[in-house]
C-alpha atoms as a PDB file:
ATOM      1  CA  MET A   1     -10.956   9.395  -4.383  1.00  0.00           C
ATOM      2  CA  ALA A   2     -10.110   7.143  -7.300  1.00  0.00           C
ATOM      3  CA  ASP A   3     -11.216   3.566  -7.720  1.00  0.00           C
ATOM      4  CA  LEU A   4     -10.130   1.266  -4.937  1.00  0.00           C
ATOM      5  CA  VAL A   5      -8.184  -1.895  -5.714  1.00  0.00           C
ATOM      6  CA  ASP A   6      -7.456  -5.137  -3.895  1.00  0.00           C
ATOM      7  CA  VAL A   7      -4.119  -6.205  -2.451  1.00  0.00           C
ATOM      8  CA  ASP A   8      -3.013  -8.115  -5.561  1.00  0.00           C
ATOM      9  CA  SER A   9      -3.590  -5.076  -7.770  1.00  0.00           C
ATOM     10  CA  ILE A  10      -1.830  -2.630  -5.457  1.00  0.00           C
ATOM     11  CA  ALA A  11       1.101  -5.013  -5.021  1.00  0.00           C
ATOM     12  CA  ARG A  12       1.583  -5.132  -8.810  1.00  0.00           C
ATOM     13  CA  ALA A  13       1.114  -1.363  -9.140  1.00  0.00           C
ATOM     14  CA  VAL A  14       3.823  -0.496  -6.611  1.00  0.00           C
ATOM     15  CA  ASN A  15       6.070  -3.540  -7.107  1.00  0.00           C
ATOM     16  CA  LEU A  16       5.804  -4.906  -3.583  1.00  0.00           C
ATOM     17  CA  ASN A  17       4.904  -8.362  -2.343  1.00  0.00           C
ATOM     18  CA  LYS A  18       1.241  -8.643  -1.340  1.00  0.00           C
ATOM     19  CA  PHE A  19       2.214  -9.927   2.103  1.00  0.00           C
ATOM     20  CA  THR A  20       4.281  -6.776   2.615  1.00  0.00           C
ATOM     21  CA  ILE A  21       1.233  -4.688   1.699  1.00  0.00           C
ATOM     22  CA  TYR A  22      -0.910  -6.659   4.173  1.00  0.00           C
ATOM     23  CA  ARG A  23       1.719  -6.179   6.901  1.00  0.00           C
ATOM     24  CA  PHE A  24       1.925  -2.428   6.235  1.00  0.00           C
ATOM     25  CA  ALA A  25      -1.871  -2.175   6.382  1.00  0.00           C
ATOM     26  CA  GLN A  26      -1.995  -4.155   9.623  1.00  0.00           C
ATOM     27  CA  GLN A  27       0.604  -1.798  11.104  1.00  0.00           C
ATOM     28  CA  HIS A  28      -1.293   1.230   9.697  1.00  0.00           C
ATOM     29  CA  LYS A  29       1.793   2.333   7.766  1.00  0.00           C
ATOM     30  CA  VAL A  30       0.124   2.490   4.348  1.00  0.00           C
ATOM     31  CA  PRO A  31      -3.186   4.226   3.529  1.00  0.00           C
ATOM     32  CA  PHE A  32      -6.045   1.758   3.101  1.00  0.00           C
ATOM     33  CA  TYR A  33      -9.793   1.425   3.414  1.00  0.00           C
ATOM     34  CA  ARG A  34     -11.711  -1.332   5.119  1.00  0.00           C
ATOM     35  CA  ALA A  35     -15.244  -2.465   4.351  1.00  0.00           C
ATOM     36  CA  GLY A  36     -15.963  -5.239   6.798  1.00  0.00           C
ATOM     37  CA  ARG A  37     -13.223  -7.770   6.205  1.00  0.00           C
ATOM     38  CA  LEU A  38     -12.278  -6.360   2.797  1.00  0.00           C
ATOM     39  CA  VAL A  39      -9.156  -4.220   2.540  1.00  0.00           C
ATOM     40  CA  ARG A  40      -8.881  -1.846  -0.418  1.00  0.00           C
ATOM     41  CA  PHE A  41      -6.256   0.641  -1.564  1.00  0.00           C
ATOM     42  CA  ASP A  42      -6.192   3.812  -3.658  1.00  0.00           C
ATOM     43  CA  VAL A  43      -3.205   3.445  -6.002  1.00  0.00           C
ATOM     44  CA  GLU A  44      -2.390   7.172  -6.048  1.00  0.00           C
ATOM     45  CA  GLU A  45      -2.560   7.452  -2.250  1.00  0.00           C
ATOM     46  CA  VAL A  46      -0.178   4.521  -1.857  1.00  0.00           C
ATOM     47  CA  ARG A  47       2.214   5.938  -4.467  1.00  0.00           C
ATOM     48  CA  ASP A  48       2.125   9.309  -2.670  1.00  0.00           C
ATOM     49  CA  TRP A  49       2.833   7.530   0.615  1.00  0.00           C
ATOM     50  CA  MET A  50       5.804   5.733  -0.974  1.00  0.00           C
ATOM     51  CA  ARG A  51       7.181   9.047  -2.309  1.00  0.00           C
ATOM     52  CA  ASP A  52       6.842  10.587   1.157  1.00  0.00           C
ATOM     53  CA  GLN A  53       8.678   7.636   2.678  1.00  0.00           C
ATOM     54  CA  ALA A  54      11.478   8.020   0.138  1.00  0.00           C
ATOM     55  CA  LYS A  55      11.787  11.737   0.936  1.00  0.00           C
ATOM     56  CA  LYS A  56      12.109  10.883   4.632  1.00  0.00           C
ATOM     57  CA  GLY A  57      14.831   8.375   3.761  1.00  0.00           C
ATOM     58  CA  ALA A  58      12.782   5.463   5.023  1.00  0.00           C
ATOM     59  CA  ALA A  59      13.532   2.145   3.381  1.00  0.00           C
ATOM     60  CA  ILE A  60      10.486   0.257   2.168  1.00  0.00           C
ATOM     61  CA  GLU A  61      11.352  -3.377   2.715  1.00  0.00           C
ATOM     62  CA  GLY A  62       9.728  -6.327   1.051  1.00  0.00           C
ATOM     63  CA  LYS A  63      10.218  -5.649  -2.628  1.00  0.00           C
ATOM     64  CA  SER A  64       9.421  -8.649  -4.764  1.00  0.00           C
END
């Protein structure tokens, strides 16, 4: 596992609004890790998830 980043960093890395990232995490659509109240993301895991979604033809809404 690579370094984990916060929601602001992952939002910039994948060009999505941070509120979209939070919503996807709340709905368990995007891979994330929780440590207490902190939510962290692995950039490569999220990028892989986005590629998988694109292959399935799923639209990822909420681009900034």
